[in-house]
């Protein structure tokens, strides 16, 4: 999962917004490819069409923080997936 909530939310909310990750790579405007350079153990994609709300207590392993450039790509994919572009 890629956590998407604003930073301030983690201190005050138990549930936060995330996008699912998958190793089934289907490239479209609502996805962003990630790989080892991004800190991921295997190539995968962020699927901005698959947003979920998760309990922070269920999050068990931190993998990486994406670069600002990669998060900009996620932002554009989110806008597309939500019809806000």
PDB file of N, CA and C in Angstrom:
ATOM      1  N   UNK A   1       0.835  -1.180   0.000  1.00  0.00           N
ATOM      2  CA  UNK A   1       0.000   0.000   0.000  1.00  0.00           C
ATOM      3  C   UNK A   1       0.878   1.240   0.000  1.00  0.00           C
ATOM      4  N   UNK A   2       0.402   2.212  -0.704  1.00  0.00           N
ATOM      5  CA  UNK A   2       1.050   3.518  -0.678  1.00  0.00           C
ATOM      6  C   UNK A   2       0.149   4.440   0.127  1.00  0.00           C
ATOM      7  N   UNK A   3       0.649   4.931   1.245  1.00  0.00           N
ATOM      8  CA  UNK A   3      -0.149   5.819   2.087  1.00  0.00           C
ATOM      9  C   UNK A   3      -0.283   7.178   1.431  1.00  0.00           C
ATOM     10  N   UNK A   4      -1.500   7.715   1.432  1.00  0.00           N
ATOM     11  CA  UNK A   4      -1.797   8.946   0.712  1.00  0.00           C
ATOM     12  C   UNK A   4      -2.321  10.074   1.593  1.00  0.00           C
ATOM     13  N   UNK A   5      -2.675   9.800   2.825  1.00  0.00           N
ATOM     14  CA  UNK A   5      -3.223  10.857   3.685  1.00  0.00           C
ATOM     15  C   UNK A   5      -2.181  11.939   3.923  1.00  0.00           C
ATOM     16  N   UNK A   6      -2.653  13.137   4.188  1.00  0.00           N
ATOM     17  CA  UNK A   6      -1.726  14.226   4.491  1.00  0.00           C
ATOM     18  C   UNK A   6      -0.962  13.890   5.772  1.00  0.00           C
ATOM     19  N   UNK A   7       0.261  14.361   5.893  1.00  0.00           N
ATOM     20  CA  UNK A   7       1.121  13.990   7.014  1.00  0.00           C
ATOM     21  C   UNK A   7       0.480  14.239   8.378  1.00  0.00           C
ATOM     22  N   UNK A   8      -0.248  15.331   8.507  1.00  0.00           N
ATOM     23  CA  UNK A   8      -0.856  15.676   9.796  1.00  0.00           C
ATOM     24  C   UNK A   8      -1.906  14.656  10.232  1.00  0.00           C
ATOM     25  N   UNK A   9      -2.490  13.945   9.305  1.00  0.00           N
ATOM     26  CA  UNK A   9      -3.568  13.000   9.625  1.00  0.00           C
ATOM     27  C   UNK A   9      -3.078  11.806  10.448  1.00  0.00           C
ATOM     28  N   UNK A  10      -1.835  11.416  10.273  1.00  0.00           N
ATOM     29  CA  UNK A  10      -1.344  10.207  10.949  1.00  0.00           C
ATOM     30  C   UNK A  10      -1.302  10.360  12.467  1.00  0.00           C
ATOM     31  N   UNK A  11      -1.151  11.575  12.940  1.00  0.00           N
ATOM     32  CA  UNK A  11      -1.103  11.803  14.385  1.00  0.00           C
ATOM     33  C   UNK A  11      -2.488  11.873  15.015  1.00  0.00           C
ATOM     34  N   UNK A  12      -3.522  12.142  14.226  1.00  0.00           N
ATOM     35  CA  UNK A  12      -4.848  12.368  14.807  1.00  0.00           C
ATOM     36  C   UNK A  12      -5.926  11.405  14.334  1.00  0.00           C
ATOM     37  N   UNK A  13      -5.639  10.609  13.316  1.00  0.00           N
ATOM     38  CA  UNK A  13      -6.652   9.681  12.788  1.00  0.00           C
ATOM     39  C   UNK A  13      -6.146   8.250  12.877  1.00  0.00           C
ATOM     40  N   UNK A  14      -7.039   7.343  13.227  1.00  0.00           N
ATOM     41  CA  UNK A  14      -6.676   5.921  13.274  1.00  0.00           C
ATOM     42  C   UNK A  14      -6.698   5.299  11.879  1.00  0.00           C
ATOM     43  N   UNK A  15      -7.581   5.802  11.034  1.00  0.00           N
ATOM     44  CA  UNK A  15      -7.716   5.244   9.682  1.00  0.00           C
ATOM     45  C   UNK A  15      -7.200   6.265   8.667  1.00  0.00           C
ATOM     46  N   UNK A  16      -6.442   5.771   7.693  1.00  0.00           N
ATOM     47  CA  UNK A  16      -5.833   6.646   6.697  1.00  0.00           C
ATOM     48  C   UNK A  16      -6.088   6.092   5.293  1.00  0.00           C
ATOM     49  N   UNK A  17      -5.911   6.936   4.303  1.00  0.00           N
ATOM     50  CA  UNK A  17      -6.169   6.568   2.917  1.00  0.00           C
ATOM     51  C   UNK A  17      -4.901   6.032   2.263  1.00  0.00           C
ATOM     52  N   UNK A  18      -5.085   4.982   1.446  1.00  0.00           N
ATOM     53  CA  UNK A  18      -3.949   4.369   0.760  1.00  0.00           C
ATOM     54  C   UNK A  18      -4.379   3.899  -0.627  1.00  0.00           C
ATOM     55  N   UNK A  19      -3.394   3.699  -1.486  1.00  0.00           N
ATOM     56  CA  UNK A  19      -3.625   3.099  -2.803  1.00  0.00           C
ATOM     57  C   UNK A  19      -2.989   1.717  -2.796  1.00  0.00           C
ATOM     58  N   UNK A  20      -3.659   0.783  -3.418  1.00  0.00           N
ATOM     59  CA  UNK A  20      -3.134  -0.576  -3.472  1.00  0.00           C
ATOM     60  C   UNK A  20      -1.953  -0.670  -4.437  1.00  0.00           C
ATOM     61  N   UNK A  21      -1.048  -1.590  -4.139  1.00  0.00           N
ATOM     62  CA  UNK A  21       0.075  -1.911  -5.014  1.00  0.00           C
ATOM     63  C   UNK A  21      -0.153  -3.304  -5.568  1.00  0.00           C
ATOM     64  N   UNK A  22       0.323  -3.543  -6.787  1.00  0.00           N
ATOM     65  CA  UNK A  22       0.219  -4.870  -7.369  1.00  0.00           C
ATOM     66  C   UNK A  22       1.433  -5.132  -8.252  1.00  0.00           C
ATOM     67  N   UNK A  23       1.802  -6.393  -8.349  1.00  0.00           N
ATOM     68  CA  UNK A  23       2.891  -6.769  -9.257  1.00  0.00           C
ATOM     69  C   UNK A  23       2.356  -7.116 -10.646  1.00  0.00           C
ATOM     70  N   UNK A  24       1.035  -7.114 -10.803  1.00  0.00           N
ATOM     71  CA  UNK A  24       0.425  -7.292 -12.124  1.00  0.00           C
ATOM     72  C   UNK A  24       0.445  -5.933 -12.808  1.00  0.00           C
ATOM     73  N   UNK A  25       1.398  -5.762 -13.685  1.00  0.00           N
ATOM     74  CA  UNK A  25       1.635  -4.447 -14.281  1.00  0.00           C
ATOM     75  C   UNK A  25       0.710  -4.222 -15.473  1.00  0.00           C
ATOM     76  N   UNK A  26      -0.199  -3.282 -15.296  1.00  0.00           N
ATOM     77  CA  UNK A  26      -1.085  -2.807 -16.358  1.00  0.00           C
ATOM     78  C   UNK A  26      -0.954  -1.289 -16.374  1.00  0.00           C
ATOM     79  N   UNK A  27      -0.288  -0.796 -17.369  1.00  0.00           N
ATOM     80  CA  UNK A  27      -0.005   0.637 -17.434  1.00  0.00           C
ATOM     81  C   UNK A  27      -1.198   1.387 -18.019  1.00  0.00           C
ATOM     82  N   UNK A  28      -1.646   2.395 -17.277  1.00  0.00           N
ATOM     83  CA  UNK A  28      -2.678   3.312 -17.746  1.00  0.00           C
ATOM     84  C   UNK A  28      -2.539   4.599 -16.952  1.00  0.00           C
ATOM     85  N   UNK A  29      -3.272   5.648 -17.273  1.00  0.00           N
ATOM     86  CA  UNK A  29      -3.085   6.929 -16.575  1.00  0.00           C
ATOM     87  C   UNK A  29      -3.377   6.892 -15.073  1.00  0.00           C
ATOM     88  N   UNK A  30      -4.026   5.853 -14.577  1.00  0.00           N
ATOM     89  CA  UNK A  30      -4.339   5.759 -13.143  1.00  0.00           C
ATOM     90  C   UNK A  30      -3.313   4.908 -12.387  1.00  0.00           C
ATOM     91  N   UNK A  31      -2.196   4.577 -13.046  1.00  0.00           N
ATOM     92  CA  UNK A  31      -1.163   3.769 -12.395  1.00  0.00           C
ATOM     93  C   UNK A  31       0.192   4.456 -12.482  1.00  0.00           C
ATOM     94  N   UNK A  32       1.072   4.082 -11.542  1.00  0.00           N
ATOM     95  CA  UNK A  32       2.452   4.576 -11.534  1.00  0.00           C
ATOM     96  C   UNK A  32       3.363   3.387 -11.281  1.00  0.00           C
ATOM     97  N   UNK A  33       4.342   3.206 -12.140  1.00  0.00           N
ATOM     98  CA  UNK A  33       5.296   2.120 -11.961  1.00  0.00           C
ATOM     99  C   UNK A  33       6.303   2.462 -10.867  1.00  0.00           C
ATOM    100  N   UNK A  34       6.607   1.468 -10.029  1.00  0.00           N
ATOM    101  CA  UNK A  34       7.645   1.587  -9.006  1.00  0.00           C
ATOM    102  C   UNK A  34       8.635   0.440  -9.189  1.00  0.00           C
ATOM    103  N   UNK A  35       9.895   0.676  -8.760  1.00  0.00           N
ATOM    104  CA  UNK A  35      10.917  -0.365  -8.887  1.00  0.00           C
ATOM    105  C   UNK A  35      11.956  -0.216  -7.776  1.00  0.00           C
ATOM    106  N   UNK A  36      13.065  -0.907  -7.910  1.00  0.00           N
ATOM    107  CA  UNK A  36      14.112  -0.874  -6.880  1.00  0.00           C
ATOM    108  C   UNK A  36      14.640   0.533  -6.624  1.00  0.00           C
ATOM    109  N   UNK A  37      14.714   1.349  -7.664  1.00  0.00           N
ATOM    110  CA  UNK A  37      15.184   2.734  -7.458  1.00  0.00           C
ATOM    111  C   UNK A  37      14.250   3.514  -6.545  1.00  0.00           C
ATOM    112  N   UNK A  38      12.994   3.083  -6.472  1.00  0.00           N
ATOM    113  CA  UNK A  38      12.017   3.721  -5.583  1.00  0.00           C
ATOM    114  C   UNK A  38      12.032   3.100  -4.191  1.00  0.00           C
ATOM    115  N   UNK A  39      12.851   2.064  -4.000  1.00  0.00           N
ATOM    116  CA  UNK A  39      12.920   1.394  -2.703  1.00  0.00           C
ATOM    117  C   UNK A  39      12.023   0.178  -2.591  1.00  0.00           C
ATOM    118  N   UNK A  40      11.456  -0.256  -3.693  1.00  0.00           N
ATOM    119  CA  UNK A  40      10.580  -1.431  -3.676  1.00  0.00           C
ATOM    120  C   UNK A  40      11.414  -2.688  -3.940  1.00  0.00           C
ATOM    121  N   UNK A  41      11.102  -3.788  -3.273  1.00  0.00           N
ATOM    122  CA  UNK A  41      11.886  -5.009  -3.484  1.00  0.00           C
ATOM    123  C   UNK A  41      11.684  -5.611  -4.869  1.00  0.00           C
ATOM    124  N   UNK A  42      10.507  -5.428  -5.457  1.00  0.00           N
ATOM    125  CA  UNK A  42      10.181  -5.954  -6.783  1.00  0.00           C
ATOM    126  C   UNK A  42       9.420  -4.892  -7.562  1.00  0.00           C
ATOM    127  N   UNK A  43       9.491  -4.933  -8.899  1.00  0.00           N
ATOM    128  CA  UNK A  43       8.693  -3.997  -9.690  1.00  0.00           C
ATOM    129  C   UNK A  43       7.203  -4.168  -9.383  1.00  0.00           C
ATOM    130  N   UNK A  44       6.505  -3.040  -9.329  1.00  0.00           N
ATOM    131  CA  UNK A  44       5.069  -3.071  -9.051  1.00  0.00           C
ATOM    132  C   UNK A  44       4.460  -1.779  -9.556  1.00  0.00           C
ATOM    133  N   UNK A  45       3.161  -1.664  -9.419  1.00  0.00           N
ATOM    134  CA  UNK A  45       2.501  -0.410  -9.755  1.00  0.00           C
ATOM    135  C   UNK A  45       1.603   0.035  -8.601  1.00  0.00           C
ATOM    136  N   UNK A  46       1.468   1.345  -8.480  1.00  0.00           N
ATOM    137  CA  UNK A  46       0.473   1.952  -7.605  1.00  0.00           C
ATOM    138  C   UNK A  46      -0.791   2.028  -8.434  1.00  0.00           C
ATOM    139  N   UNK A  47      -1.884   1.518  -7.895  1.00  0.00           N
ATOM    140  CA  UNK A  47      -3.159   1.522  -8.612  1.00  0.00           C
ATOM    141  C   UNK A  47      -4.073   2.569  -7.987  1.00  0.00           C
ATOM    142  N   UNK A  48      -4.116   3.745  -8.578  1.00  0.00           N
ATOM    143  CA  UNK A  48      -4.920   4.835  -8.016  1.00  0.00           C
ATOM    144  C   UNK A  48      -6.412   4.631  -8.215  1.00  0.00           C
ATOM    145  N   UNK A  49      -6.800   3.633  -9.005  1.00  0.00           N
ATOM    146  CA  UNK A  49      -8.206   3.255  -9.116  1.00  0.00           C
ATOM    147  C   UNK A  49      -8.633   2.377  -7.947  1.00  0.00           C
ATOM    148  N   UNK A  50      -7.689   1.947  -7.129  1.00  0.00           N
ATOM    149  CA  UNK A  50      -7.988   1.044  -6.006  1.00  0.00           C
ATOM    150  C   UNK A  50      -7.571   1.715  -4.697  1.00  0.00           C
ATOM    151  N   UNK A  51      -8.358   2.698  -4.281  1.00  0.00           N
ATOM    152  CA  UNK A  51      -8.089   3.401  -3.020  1.00  0.00           C
ATOM    153  C   UNK A  51      -8.823   2.706  -1.886  1.00  0.00           C
ATOM    154  N   UNK A  52      -8.176   2.648  -0.737  1.00  0.00           N
ATOM    155  CA  UNK A  52      -8.758   1.998   0.433  1.00  0.00           C
ATOM    156  C   UNK A  52      -8.490   2.849   1.667  1.00  0.00           C
ATOM    157  N   UNK A  53      -9.268   2.618   2.701  1.00  0.00           N
ATOM    158  CA  UNK A  53      -9.027   3.229   4.003  1.00  0.00           C
ATOM    159  C   UNK A  53      -8.574   2.116   4.927  1.00  0.00           C
ATOM    160  N   UNK A  54      -7.438   2.306   5.586  1.00  0.00           N
ATOM    161  CA  UNK A  54      -6.865   1.257   6.424  1.00  0.00           C
ATOM    162  C   UNK A  54      -6.643   1.769   7.842  1.00  0.00           C
ATOM    163  N   UNK A  55      -6.712   0.847   8.787  1.00  0.00           N
ATOM    164  CA  UNK A  55      -6.410   1.152  10.171  1.00  0.00           C
ATOM    165  C   UNK A  55      -4.892   1.179  10.327  1.00  0.00           C
ATOM    166  N   UNK A  56      -4.363   2.231  10.899  1.00  0.00           N
ATOM    167  CA  UNK A  56      -2.912   2.341  11.070  1.00  0.00           C
ATOM    168  C   UNK A  56      -2.333   1.179  11.866  1.00  0.00           C
ATOM    169  N   UNK A  57      -3.116   0.604  12.773  1.00  0.00           N
ATOM    170  CA  UNK A  57      -2.631  -0.524  13.568  1.00  0.00           C
ATOM    171  C   UNK A  57      -2.359  -1.752  12.705  1.00  0.00           C
ATOM    172  N   UNK A  58      -2.960  -1.817  11.514  1.00  0.00           N
ATOM    173  CA  UNK A  58      -2.757  -2.957  10.618  1.00  0.00           C
ATOM    174  C   UNK A  58      -1.519  -2.816   9.744  1.00  0.00           C
ATOM    175  N   UNK A  59      -0.893  -1.650   9.768  1.00  0.00           N
ATOM    176  CA  UNK A  59       0.319  -1.426   8.970  1.00  0.00           C
ATOM    177  C   UNK A  59       1.511  -1.986   9.734  1.00  0.00           C
ATOM    178  N   UNK A  60       2.229  -2.916   9.135  1.00  0.00           N
ATOM    179  CA  UNK A  60       3.280  -3.618   9.887  1.00  0.00           C
ATOM    180  C   UNK A  60       4.695  -3.355   9.395  1.00  0.00           C
ATOM    181  N   UNK A  61       4.882  -2.985   8.132  1.00  0.00           N
ATOM    182  CA  UNK A  61       6.239  -2.839   7.625  1.00  0.00           C
ATOM    183  C   UNK A  61       6.362  -1.603   6.758  1.00  0.00           C
ATOM    184  N   UNK A  62       7.340  -0.759   7.087  1.00  0.00           N
ATOM    185  CA  UNK A  62       7.664   0.422   6.287  1.00  0.00           C
ATOM    186  C   UNK A  62       8.697   0.009   5.241  1.00  0.00           C
ATOM    187  N   UNK A  63       8.465   0.378   3.981  1.00  0.00           N
ATOM    188  CA  UNK A  63       9.428   0.049   2.933  1.00  0.00           C
ATOM    189  C   UNK A  63      10.231   1.248   2.459  1.00  0.00           C
ATOM    190  N   UNK A  64       9.553   2.345   2.141  1.00  0.00           N
ATOM    191  CA  UNK A  64      10.274   3.460   1.525  1.00  0.00           C
ATOM    192  C   UNK A  64       9.435   4.731   1.541  1.00  0.00           C
ATOM    193  N   UNK A  65      10.079   5.827   1.259  1.00  0.00           N
ATOM    194  CA  UNK A  65       9.413   7.095   0.992  1.00  0.00           C
ATOM    195  C   UNK A  65       9.705   7.434  -0.458  1.00  0.00           C
ATOM    196  N   UNK A  66       8.676   7.697  -1.231  1.00  0.00           N
ATOM    197  CA  UNK A  66       8.874   8.014  -2.645  1.00  0.00           C
ATOM    198  C   UNK A  66       9.420   9.427  -2.816  1.00  0.00           C
ATOM    199  N   UNK A  67      10.179   9.622  -3.867  1.00  0.00           N
ATOM    200  CA  UNK A  67      10.747  10.940  -4.180  1.00  0.00           C
ATOM    201  C   UNK A  67       9.624  11.920  -4.518  1.00  0.00           C
ATOM    202  N   UNK A  68       9.893  13.209  -4.378  1.00  0.00           N
ATOM    203  CA  UNK A  68       8.886  14.202  -4.774  1.00  0.00           C
ATOM    204  C   UNK A  68       8.462  14.041  -6.238  1.00  0.00           C
ATOM    205  N   UNK A  69       9.395  13.720  -7.118  1.00  0.00           N
ATOM    206  CA  UNK A  69       9.045  13.546  -8.536  1.00  0.00           C
ATOM    207  C   UNK A  69       8.100  12.367  -8.729  1.00  0.00           C
ATOM    208  N   UNK A  70       8.351  11.276  -8.013  1.00  0.00           N
ATOM    209  CA  UNK A  70       7.477  10.102  -8.147  1.00  0.00           C
ATOM    210  C   UNK A  70       6.107  10.401  -7.537  1.00  0.00           C
ATOM    211  N   UNK A  71       6.077  11.132  -6.412  1.00  0.00           N
ATOM    212  CA  UNK A  71       4.792  11.483  -5.810  1.00  0.00           C
ATOM    213  C   UNK A  71       3.998  12.427  -6.708  1.00  0.00           C
ATOM    214  N   UNK A  72       4.690  13.257  -7.497  1.00  0.00           N
ATOM    215  CA  UNK A  72       3.986  14.097  -8.466  1.00  0.00           C
ATOM    216  C   UNK A  72       3.272  13.232  -9.495  1.00  0.00           C
ATOM    217  N   UNK A  73       3.918  12.141  -9.887  1.00  0.00           N
ATOM    218  CA  UNK A  73       3.286  11.207 -10.819  1.00  0.00           C
ATOM    219  C   UNK A  73       2.054  10.563 -10.174  1.00  0.00           C
ATOM    220  N   UNK A  74       2.172  10.214  -8.890  1.00  0.00           N
ATOM    221  CA  UNK A  74       1.039   9.649  -8.162  1.00  0.00           C
ATOM    222  C   UNK A  74      -0.088  10.687  -8.094  1.00  0.00           C
ATOM    223  N   UNK A  75       0.253  11.926  -7.816  1.00  0.00           N
ATOM    224  CA  UNK A  75      -0.762  12.992  -7.759  1.00  0.00           C
ATOM    225  C   UNK A  75      -1.541  13.081  -9.070  1.00  0.00           C
ATOM    226  N   UNK A  76      -0.833  13.054 -10.200  1.00  0.00           N
ATOM    227  CA  UNK A  76      -1.499  13.127 -11.504  1.00  0.00           C
ATOM    228  C   UNK A  76      -2.390  11.911 -11.732  1.00  0.00           C
ATOM    229  N   UNK A  77      -1.914  10.740 -11.319  1.00  0.00           N
ATOM    230  CA  UNK A  77      -2.713   9.522 -11.470  1.00  0.00           C
ATOM    231  C   UNK A  77      -3.957   9.561 -10.601  1.00  0.00           C
ATOM    232  N   UNK A  78      -3.844  10.105  -9.398  1.00  0.00           N
ATOM    233  CA  UNK A  78      -5.005  10.249  -8.515  1.00  0.00           C
ATOM    234  C   UNK A  78      -6.042  11.180  -9.141  1.00  0.00           C
ATOM    235  N   UNK A  79      -5.590  12.301  -9.666  1.00  0.00           N
ATOM    236  CA  UNK A  79      -6.522  13.247 -10.308  1.00  0.00           C
ATOM    237  C   UNK A  79      -7.254  12.568 -11.448  1.00  0.00           C
ATOM    238  N   UNK A  80      -6.524  11.778 -12.253  1.00  0.00           N
ATOM    239  CA  UNK A  80      -7.160  11.059 -13.358  1.00  0.00           C
ATOM    240  C   UNK A  80      -8.161  10.047 -12.824  1.00  0.00           C
ATOM    241  N   UNK A  81      -7.749   9.242 -11.843  1.00  0.00           N
ATOM    242  CA  UNK A  81      -8.604   8.166 -11.320  1.00  0.00           C
ATOM    243  C   UNK A  81      -9.887   8.716 -10.700  1.00  0.00           C
ATOM    244  N   UNK A  82      -9.802   9.892 -10.109  1.00  0.00           N
ATOM    245  CA  UNK A  82     -10.968  10.488  -9.452  1.00  0.00           C
ATOM    246  C   UNK A  82     -11.765  11.402 -10.381  1.00  0.00           C
ATOM    247  N   UNK A  83     -11.314  11.531 -11.627  1.00  0.00           N
ATOM    248  CA  UNK A  83     -12.028  12.378 -12.581  1.00  0.00           C
ATOM    249  C   UNK A  83     -11.867  13.859 -12.305  1.00  0.00           C
ATOM    250  N   UNK A  84     -10.744  14.234 -11.700  1.00  0.00           N
ATOM    251  CA  UNK A  84     -10.509  15.622 -11.337  1.00  0.00           C
ATOM    252  C   UNK A  84      -9.491  16.316 -12.229  1.00  0.00           C
ATOM    253  N   UNK A  85      -9.084  15.637 -13.289  1.00  0.00           N
ATOM    254  CA  UNK A  85      -8.072  16.229 -14.178  1.00  0.00           C
ATOM    255  C   UNK A  85      -8.687  17.126 -15.221  1.00  0.00           C
TER     256      UNK A  85
END
